[in-house]
Amino acid sequence: MNDGEKKTEKPKPRRGTFSSVPGRFTTVLREDWQEDQSPEEDLPSIKTEFFSEFPKTLITSNDSPDIPHGSSINPYRGCEHGCIYCFARPNHSYVDLSPGIDFESKIFIKHNVEEVLIRDLKRRKGKVEPILLGTATDPYQPIERKTENTRKILKTCLEFGQPVQIITKSSLILRDLDILSEMAKLNLIQVCVSVTTLDKELWSKLEPRTASPNKRMEAIAGLSRVGVPIILMFAPVIPFLNDHEMESIVRLGKENGISFAVMILVRLPYEVAPLFEGWLSEHYPLKKDKVLGLIRDTREGKLYQSDFKQRMTGTGKYAELLRARFQLIRKQTGLTKGPKILETELFHIPEKFQIKTKKDEEILPGLF
């Protein structure tokens, strides 16, 4: 290289973490042999791997008072978005994989989602309630472009008159405007769009494979134009990193068509805490102690409290200040009416899925 020649640095691979922190159920620990690696060696380029999963049921139930609905669906296990703070990372421990890099690079695709969902919906008993789509992983993560699992689920729910609430931070949702607009006409759909920051530098480190802040606002605007009610989720709130953006994010969301807004404080359960601490050391070392200190102030001296009704909001003076600010900005922007109540009286089993003859059962095996 000539003296006057400028050295160009290779862009770092976009991942939330490269840590292989073991899950809490792991009995055998594995580590890479690094004797021959130099400290300056390039970061690994880890390709995403996909695995097949054949679920017997798609709808799961929960009794958490923090979640608005008792039924949920996750079309995938793991999430390529790589958000370092994701509270769902520990779920990979249940399949003997790391909540770190494995969670975002080893993705399980659920197959036969239409057939399984039809069986689930036909067997449902009792009061009909909305299904929450995307509680643990984003239903519109990159692989959705190929599998269309979420699209298939929405199409089936529309046929059954099943109300759905979606949680996403992806602009890919605009692909399904044809289905979503029809559901909106029947008051069967509500979408929660998570917006964490408008700062592109922070976004690229915090949520490396998600849609950019601008793309998320475009998604909100596009959904709003076809009548889909939008809840903006300012989540998670992280002290000294994005808490100062609260008012600007809510105002911009209002300009683009949101009908309500909620706020969730950062949650660091199980293996997420050490992953987040490592991330702070790498990207924001000077802020690390302040960030963790304020989080502990909201969790009674710990990095996480699992108690219902406070794990989302925290306690203490800082948490109270956040809530006061959020209530004020909601009032200033006219977002105080609360989320829309979805229609539950339209649920029915479509005629084509009702047993008529043995021949019908042979044509559509497993659906009757």
Protein backbone atom coordinates (compact mmCIF):
# COMPACT_ATOMS: atom_id res chain seq x y z
CA MET A 1 0.00 0.00 0.00
CA ASN A 2 1.37 3.43 -0.96
CA ASP A 3 1.82 6.04 1.75
CA GLY A 4 -0.76 8.25 0.09
CA GLU A 5 -3.24 5.44 -0.36
CA LYS A 6 -6.14 5.53 2.07
CA LYS A 7 -6.94 2.29 3.85
CA THR A 8 -10.58 1.27 3.56
CA GLU A 9 -12.04 -0.62 6.47
CA LYS A 10 -14.30 -3.56 5.86
CA PRO A 11 -17.80 -3.00 7.23
CA LYS A 12 -18.49 -5.03 10.30
CA PRO A 13 -21.04 -7.83 9.95
CA ARG A 14 -24.45 -6.61 11.12
CA ARG A 15 -25.28 -8.70 14.15
CA GLY A 16 -26.62 -7.78 17.56
CA THR A 17 -23.97 -9.90 19.26
CA PHE A 18 -21.35 -12.52 18.47
CA SER A 19 -21.50 -13.91 21.98
CA SER A 20 -22.28 -17.61 22.39
CA VAL A 21 -23.38 -17.18 26.00
CA PRO A 22 -24.76 -20.56 27.08
CA GLY A 23 -28.40 -21.00 28.01
CA ARG A 24 -29.28 -21.56 31.64
CA PHE A 25 -30.18 -25.21 30.97
CA THR A 26 -26.88 -26.05 29.24
CA THR A 27 -24.91 -28.87 30.87
CA VAL A 28 -22.03 -29.01 28.33
CA LEU A 29 -20.12 -25.83 27.55
CA ARG A 30 -18.48 -25.25 24.15
CA GLU A 31 -15.99 -22.59 23.14
CA ASP A 32 -14.01 -21.71 20.00
CA TRP A 33 -10.29 -22.46 19.91
CA GLN A 34 -8.66 -19.06 19.54
CA GLU A 35 -4.93 -19.79 19.96
CA ASP A 36 -4.11 -18.85 16.38
CA GLN A 37 -6.34 -15.80 16.17
CA SER A 38 -4.86 -12.33 16.33
CA PRO A 39 -6.65 -9.56 18.24
CA GLU A 40 -7.07 -7.65 14.97
CA GLU A 41 -8.69 -10.55 13.15
CA ASP A 42 -11.90 -9.66 11.34
CA LEU A 43 -15.16 -10.42 13.06
CA PRO A 44 -16.75 -13.65 11.86
CA SER A 45 -19.28 -13.55 9.06
CA ILE A 46 -21.98 -15.81 10.38
CA LYS A 47 -24.64 -16.90 7.93
CA THR A 48 -28.18 -17.43 9.10
CA GLU A 49 -29.25 -21.07 9.22
CA PHE A 50 -32.83 -22.22 9.00
CA PHE A 51 -34.41 -25.31 10.56
CA SER A 52 -37.81 -26.92 10.13
CA GLU A 53 -40.33 -27.24 12.92
CA PHE A 54 -43.62 -29.09 12.58
CA PRO A 55 -45.90 -27.87 15.40
CA LYS A 56 -48.93 -29.83 16.56
CA THR A 57 -50.58 -26.57 17.56
CA LEU A 58 -49.96 -22.96 16.59
CA ILE A 59 -51.96 -20.98 19.15
CA THR A 60 -50.41 -20.74 22.60
CA SER A 61 -52.11 -19.48 25.75
CA ASN A 62 -50.79 -17.30 28.55
CA ASP A 63 -52.21 -15.80 31.71
CA SER A 64 -49.87 -12.81 32.05
CA PRO A 65 -51.70 -9.63 33.11
CA ASP A 66 -49.05 -7.63 31.22
CA ILE A 67 -50.19 -8.99 27.85
CA PRO A 68 -53.56 -7.70 26.57
CA HIS A 69 -54.71 -11.02 25.07
CA GLY A 70 -54.45 -14.60 26.29
CA SER A 71 -53.73 -16.21 22.91
CA SER A 72 -50.69 -15.72 20.71
CA ILE A 73 -48.92 -17.08 17.64
CA ASN A 74 -45.23 -16.95 16.74
CA PRO A 75 -44.58 -18.20 13.18
CA TYR A 76 -40.85 -18.57 13.93
CA ARG A 77 -38.51 -19.45 16.77
CA GLY A 78 -35.58 -17.05 16.96
CA CYS A 79 -35.35 -13.69 15.19
CA GLU A 80 -32.82 -12.49 12.63
CA HIS A 81 -33.41 -8.85 13.56
CA GLY A 82 -30.77 -9.25 16.27
CA CYS A 83 -32.07 -6.67 18.76
CA ILE A 84 -29.62 -6.95 21.63
CA TYR A 85 -32.25 -6.15 24.29
CA CYS A 86 -34.81 -8.72 23.10
CA PHE A 87 -36.47 -10.33 26.14
CA ALA A 88 -37.27 -13.43 24.03
CA ARG A 89 -33.62 -14.43 23.55
CA PRO A 90 -33.70 -16.89 26.51
CA ASN A 91 -36.28 -18.98 24.60
CA HIS A 92 -33.42 -20.50 22.59
CA SER A 93 -32.18 -22.10 25.81
CA TYR A 94 -35.10 -24.52 25.58
CA VAL A 95 -33.65 -26.00 22.37
CA ASP A 96 -30.08 -26.13 23.74
CA LEU A 97 -28.90 -23.12 21.75
CA SER A 98 -27.32 -19.85 22.81
CA PRO A 99 -29.57 -16.85 23.52
CA GLY A 100 -26.72 -14.87 21.96
CA ILE A 101 -25.67 -15.34 18.35
CA ASP A 102 -27.72 -18.54 17.93
CA PHE A 103 -30.98 -16.69 18.64
CA GLU A 104 -30.43 -14.41 15.65
CA SER A 105 -28.64 -16.82 13.30
CA LYS A 106 -30.42 -20.16 13.88
CA ILE A 107 -34.06 -19.63 12.97
CA PHE A 108 -36.76 -22.30 13.20
CA ILE A 109 -39.50 -22.08 10.57
CA LYS A 110 -42.86 -23.51 11.51
CA HIS A 111 -44.38 -25.51 8.66
CA ASN A 112 -47.98 -26.31 7.71
CA VAL A 113 -49.14 -23.16 9.48
CA GLU A 114 -52.42 -22.94 7.56
CA GLU A 115 -53.43 -26.52 8.27
CA VAL A 116 -52.45 -26.35 11.94
CA LEU A 117 -54.16 -22.98 12.47
CA ILE A 118 -57.38 -24.19 10.85
CA ARG A 119 -57.42 -27.15 13.25
CA ASP A 120 -56.70 -24.85 16.20
CA LEU A 121 -59.46 -22.41 15.28
CA LYS A 122 -62.00 -25.18 14.73
CA ARG A 123 -61.25 -26.58 18.18
CA ARG A 124 -61.48 -23.26 20.01
CA LYS A 125 -64.05 -23.16 22.78
CA GLY A 126 -65.40 -20.41 24.96
CA LYS A 127 -65.16 -16.69 24.43
CA VAL A 128 -63.48 -15.44 21.25
CA GLU A 129 -60.60 -13.02 21.84
CA PRO A 130 -57.95 -11.46 19.61
CA ILE A 131 -54.79 -13.42 18.85
CA LEU A 132 -51.52 -11.59 19.42
CA LEU A 133 -49.16 -12.26 16.51
CA GLY A 134 -45.48 -11.81 17.30
CA THR A 135 -45.05 -11.87 21.08
CA ALA A 136 -41.62 -13.55 21.10
CA THR A 137 -40.23 -13.01 17.59
CA ASP A 138 -41.09 -10.59 14.81
CA PRO A 139 -43.61 -12.17 12.40
CA TYR A 140 -42.15 -10.01 9.61
CA GLN A 141 -38.47 -10.85 10.03
CA PRO A 142 -36.50 -11.31 6.75
CA ILE A 143 -37.35 -15.00 6.13
CA GLU A 144 -41.04 -14.07 5.95
CA ARG A 145 -40.38 -12.77 2.42
CA LYS A 146 -39.88 -16.39 1.32
CA THR A 147 -42.09 -18.47 3.61
CA GLU A 148 -45.07 -16.08 3.83
CA ASN A 149 -46.06 -17.78 7.10
CA THR A 150 -47.52 -14.59 8.53
CA ARG A 151 -49.44 -13.85 5.35
CA LYS A 152 -50.94 -17.36 5.42
CA ILE A 153 -51.94 -16.91 9.05
CA LEU A 154 -53.62 -13.56 8.36
CA LYS A 155 -55.47 -14.95 5.36
CA THR A 156 -56.81 -17.82 7.47
CA CYS A 157 -57.84 -15.50 10.30
CA LEU A 158 -59.73 -13.30 7.83
CA GLU A 159 -61.62 -16.35 6.56
CA PHE A 160 -62.63 -17.30 10.11
CA GLY A 161 -63.40 -13.75 11.23
CA GLN A 162 -60.68 -14.11 13.87
CA PRO A 163 -59.40 -10.74 15.25
CA VAL A 164 -55.63 -10.26 15.32
CA GLN A 165 -53.18 -7.82 16.87
CA ILE A 166 -49.71 -7.73 15.27
CA ILE A 167 -46.45 -6.56 16.87
CA THR A 168 -43.64 -5.72 14.44
CA LYS A 169 -40.80 -3.34 13.65
CA SER A 170 -40.65 -4.31 9.96
CA SER A 171 -41.85 -2.43 6.88
CA LEU A 172 -42.45 -5.79 5.19
CA ILE A 173 -45.94 -5.63 6.69
CA LEU A 174 -46.90 -3.31 3.82
CA ARG A 175 -46.76 -6.33 1.50
CA ASP A 176 -49.95 -7.60 3.12
CA LEU A 177 -52.02 -4.43 2.78
CA ASP A 178 -54.55 -6.31 0.64
CA ILE A 179 -55.42 -8.64 3.53
CA LEU A 180 -54.96 -6.07 6.29
CA SER A 181 -57.25 -3.54 4.59
CA GLU A 182 -60.03 -6.15 4.35
CA MET A 183 -59.56 -7.03 8.02
CA ALA A 184 -59.65 -3.33 8.92
CA LYS A 185 -63.04 -2.93 7.23
CA LEU A 186 -64.37 -5.63 9.58
CA ASN A 187 -62.50 -4.24 12.62
CA LEU A 188 -60.46 -7.46 12.89
CA ILE A 189 -56.94 -6.00 12.93
CA GLN A 190 -54.71 -3.73 14.98
CA VAL A 191 -50.98 -3.26 14.43
CA CYS A 192 -48.39 -2.29 17.03
CA VAL A 193 -45.27 -0.81 15.42
CA SER A 194 -42.23 -0.70 17.68
CA VAL A 195 -40.07 2.42 17.28
CA THR A 196 -37.04 2.54 19.56
CA THR A 197 -35.04 5.44 18.15
CA LEU A 198 -34.83 7.93 15.29
CA ASP A 199 -31.03 8.02 15.59
CA LYS A 200 -29.60 5.96 12.71
CA GLU A 201 -26.30 5.31 14.47
CA LEU A 202 -27.99 3.97 17.60
CA TRP A 203 -30.48 1.99 15.49
CA SER A 204 -27.70 0.27 13.51
CA LYS A 205 -26.05 -0.94 16.71
CA LEU A 206 -29.15 -1.69 18.76
CA GLU A 207 -31.35 -3.36 16.13
CA PRO A 208 -28.93 -4.25 13.30
CA ARG A 209 -31.24 -6.10 10.88
CA THR A 210 -34.50 -4.27 11.40
CA ALA A 211 -36.18 -1.69 9.19
CA SER A 212 -34.73 1.79 9.59
CA PRO A 213 -36.64 4.38 11.63
CA ASN A 214 -37.77 6.09 8.40
CA LYS A 215 -39.07 2.81 6.99
CA ARG A 216 -41.08 2.17 10.14
CA MET A 217 -42.73 5.57 9.89
CA GLU A 218 -43.49 4.81 6.23
CA ALA A 219 -45.10 1.56 7.37
CA ILE A 220 -47.23 3.43 9.91
CA ALA A 221 -48.34 5.90 7.24
CA GLY A 222 -49.10 3.15 4.72
CA LEU A 223 -51.17 1.14 7.18
CA SER A 224 -53.02 4.22 8.37
CA ARG A 225 -54.00 5.15 4.82
CA VAL A 226 -55.97 1.91 4.40
CA GLY A 227 -57.70 2.26 7.76
CA VAL A 228 -55.59 -0.05 9.94
CA PRO A 229 -55.46 1.28 13.53
CA ILE A 230 -51.85 1.69 14.68
CA ILE A 231 -50.41 1.64 18.18
CA LEU A 232 -46.91 3.06 18.42
CA MET A 233 -44.74 1.23 20.92
CA PHE A 234 -41.88 3.34 22.27
CA ALA A 235 -40.01 0.26 23.36
CA PRO A 236 -37.75 -0.38 25.01
CA VAL A 237 -36.91 2.80 26.85
CA ILE A 238 -33.21 2.69 27.74
CA PRO A 239 -31.78 5.31 30.14
CA PHE A 240 -29.18 7.66 28.61
CA LEU A 241 -29.57 6.06 25.17
CA ASN A 242 -33.05 6.79 23.82
CA ASP A 243 -35.16 8.15 26.71
CA HIS A 244 -34.67 11.72 25.45
CA GLU A 245 -36.37 10.78 22.15
CA MET A 246 -39.77 9.99 23.71
CA GLU A 247 -41.58 13.17 22.72
CA SER A 248 -40.15 13.40 19.19
CA ILE A 249 -41.00 9.75 18.41
CA VAL A 250 -44.60 10.08 19.64
CA ARG A 251 -45.12 13.36 17.75
CA LEU A 252 -43.75 11.88 14.52
CA GLY A 253 -45.91 8.81 14.99
CA LYS A 254 -48.96 11.03 15.38
CA GLU A 255 -48.09 12.88 12.18
CA ASN A 256 -47.96 9.56 10.34
CA GLY A 257 -51.29 8.27 11.62
CA ILE A 258 -50.99 6.37 14.92
CA SER A 259 -54.14 6.15 17.03
CA PHE A 260 -52.50 5.34 20.38
CA ALA A 261 -49.05 4.97 21.98
CA VAL A 262 -47.55 2.84 24.73
CA MET A 263 -44.16 2.79 26.44
CA ILE A 264 -42.20 -0.20 27.78
CA LEU A 265 -39.08 0.00 29.92
CA VAL A 266 -36.12 -2.18 28.90
CA ARG A 267 -36.33 -5.74 30.28
CA LEU A 268 -33.21 -7.85 30.82
CA PRO A 269 -34.29 -11.35 31.93
CA TYR A 270 -31.90 -14.27 32.39
CA GLU A 271 -29.16 -14.33 29.71
CA VAL A 272 -30.19 -10.97 28.23
CA ALA A 273 -28.55 -9.03 31.07
CA PRO A 274 -24.94 -10.18 30.42
CA LEU A 275 -25.47 -9.82 26.66
CA PHE A 276 -26.65 -6.25 27.12
CA GLU A 277 -23.78 -5.44 29.47
CA GLY A 278 -21.31 -6.75 26.89
CA TRP A 279 -22.99 -4.70 24.19
CA LEU A 280 -22.68 -1.54 26.29
CA SER A 281 -18.99 -2.25 26.90
CA GLU A 282 -18.41 -2.47 23.15
CA HIS A 283 -20.53 0.41 21.89
CA TYR A 284 -21.09 2.82 24.80
CA PRO A 285 -18.42 2.11 27.44
CA LEU A 286 -18.53 5.61 28.90
CA LYS A 287 -22.27 5.41 29.44
CA LYS A 288 -22.35 1.82 30.68
CA ASP A 289 -22.33 2.45 34.43
CA LYS A 290 -24.93 5.22 34.16
CA VAL A 291 -27.26 3.12 31.99
CA LEU A 292 -27.06 0.07 34.24
CA GLY A 293 -27.29 2.20 37.37
CA LEU A 294 -30.60 3.77 36.32
CA ILE A 295 -31.99 0.40 35.22
CA ARG A 296 -31.19 -0.96 38.70
CA ASP A 297 -32.96 2.04 40.21
CA THR A 298 -36.14 0.94 38.43
CA ARG A 299 -35.72 -2.73 39.42
CA GLU A 300 -35.15 -2.43 43.17
CA GLY A 301 -31.37 -2.68 42.81
CA LYS A 302 -31.39 -5.51 40.24
CA LEU A 303 -31.16 -5.54 36.46
CA TYR A 304 -34.50 -7.34 36.21
CA GLN A 305 -37.64 -7.90 38.23
CA SER A 306 -40.11 -10.46 36.91
CA ASP A 307 -43.10 -9.27 38.95
CA PHE A 308 -46.22 -8.77 36.84
CA LYS A 309 -47.44 -5.20 36.34
CA GLN A 310 -44.01 -3.69 37.04
CA ARG A 311 -41.64 -5.62 34.77
CA MET A 312 -42.86 -3.50 31.83
CA THR A 313 -42.75 -0.15 33.64
CA GLY A 314 -40.41 -0.43 36.62
CA THR A 315 -40.60 1.42 39.93
CA GLY A 316 -38.83 4.36 41.54
CA LYS A 317 -38.38 8.04 40.69
CA TYR A 318 -36.92 7.58 37.21
CA ALA A 319 -39.76 5.23 36.18
CA GLU A 320 -42.31 7.68 37.60
CA LEU A 321 -40.72 10.53 35.64
CA LEU A 322 -40.91 8.50 32.42
CA ARG A 323 -44.59 7.75 32.99
CA ALA A 324 -45.37 11.41 33.73
CA ARG A 325 -43.60 12.53 30.55
CA PHE A 326 -45.39 9.89 28.50
CA GLN A 327 -48.80 10.81 29.83
CA LEU A 328 -48.09 14.45 29.04
CA ILE A 329 -47.02 13.84 25.43
CA ARG A 330 -50.02 11.59 24.85
CA LYS A 331 -52.27 14.37 26.12
CA GLN A 332 -50.53 16.98 23.96
CA THR A 333 -50.93 14.81 20.84
CA GLY A 334 -54.50 13.72 21.55
CA LEU A 335 -53.63 10.06 22.08
CA THR A 336 -55.59 9.47 25.28
CA LYS A 337 -58.62 7.46 24.14
CA GLY A 338 -56.96 4.06 24.42
CA PRO A 339 -56.63 1.28 21.84
CA LYS A 340 -59.55 0.27 19.66
CA ILE A 341 -61.61 -2.74 20.76
CA LEU A 342 -61.57 -5.37 18.02
CA GLU A 343 -64.66 -7.20 16.76
CA THR A 344 -65.14 -10.71 18.16
CA GLU A 345 -68.68 -11.48 17.03
CA LEU A 346 -67.73 -12.33 13.45
CA PHE A 347 -65.86 -15.54 14.28
CA HIS A 348 -67.21 -18.58 12.45
CA ILE A 349 -66.04 -21.81 10.86
CA PRO A 350 -66.13 -21.35 7.07
CA GLU A 351 -68.41 -23.78 5.28
CA LYS A 352 -65.56 -25.29 3.27
CA PHE A 353 -63.96 -26.49 6.52
CA GLN A 354 -67.11 -28.12 7.87
CA ILE A 355 -67.51 -31.88 7.52
CA LYS A 356 -70.06 -32.87 4.92
CA THR A 357 -69.04 -36.29 3.63
CA LYS A 358 -66.22 -38.77 4.05
CA LYS A 359 -65.03 -37.72 0.61
CA ASP A 360 -64.49 -34.18 1.87
CA GLU A 361 -62.31 -35.54 4.68
CA GLU A 362 -60.21 -37.41 2.14
CA ILE A 363 -59.73 -34.27 0.03
CA LEU A 364 -58.64 -32.12 2.99
CA PRO A 365 -56.95 -34.55 5.42
CA GLY A 366 -56.36 -33.25 8.92
CA LEU A 367 -58.69 -30.25 8.58
CA PHE A 368 -61.82 -31.96 9.94
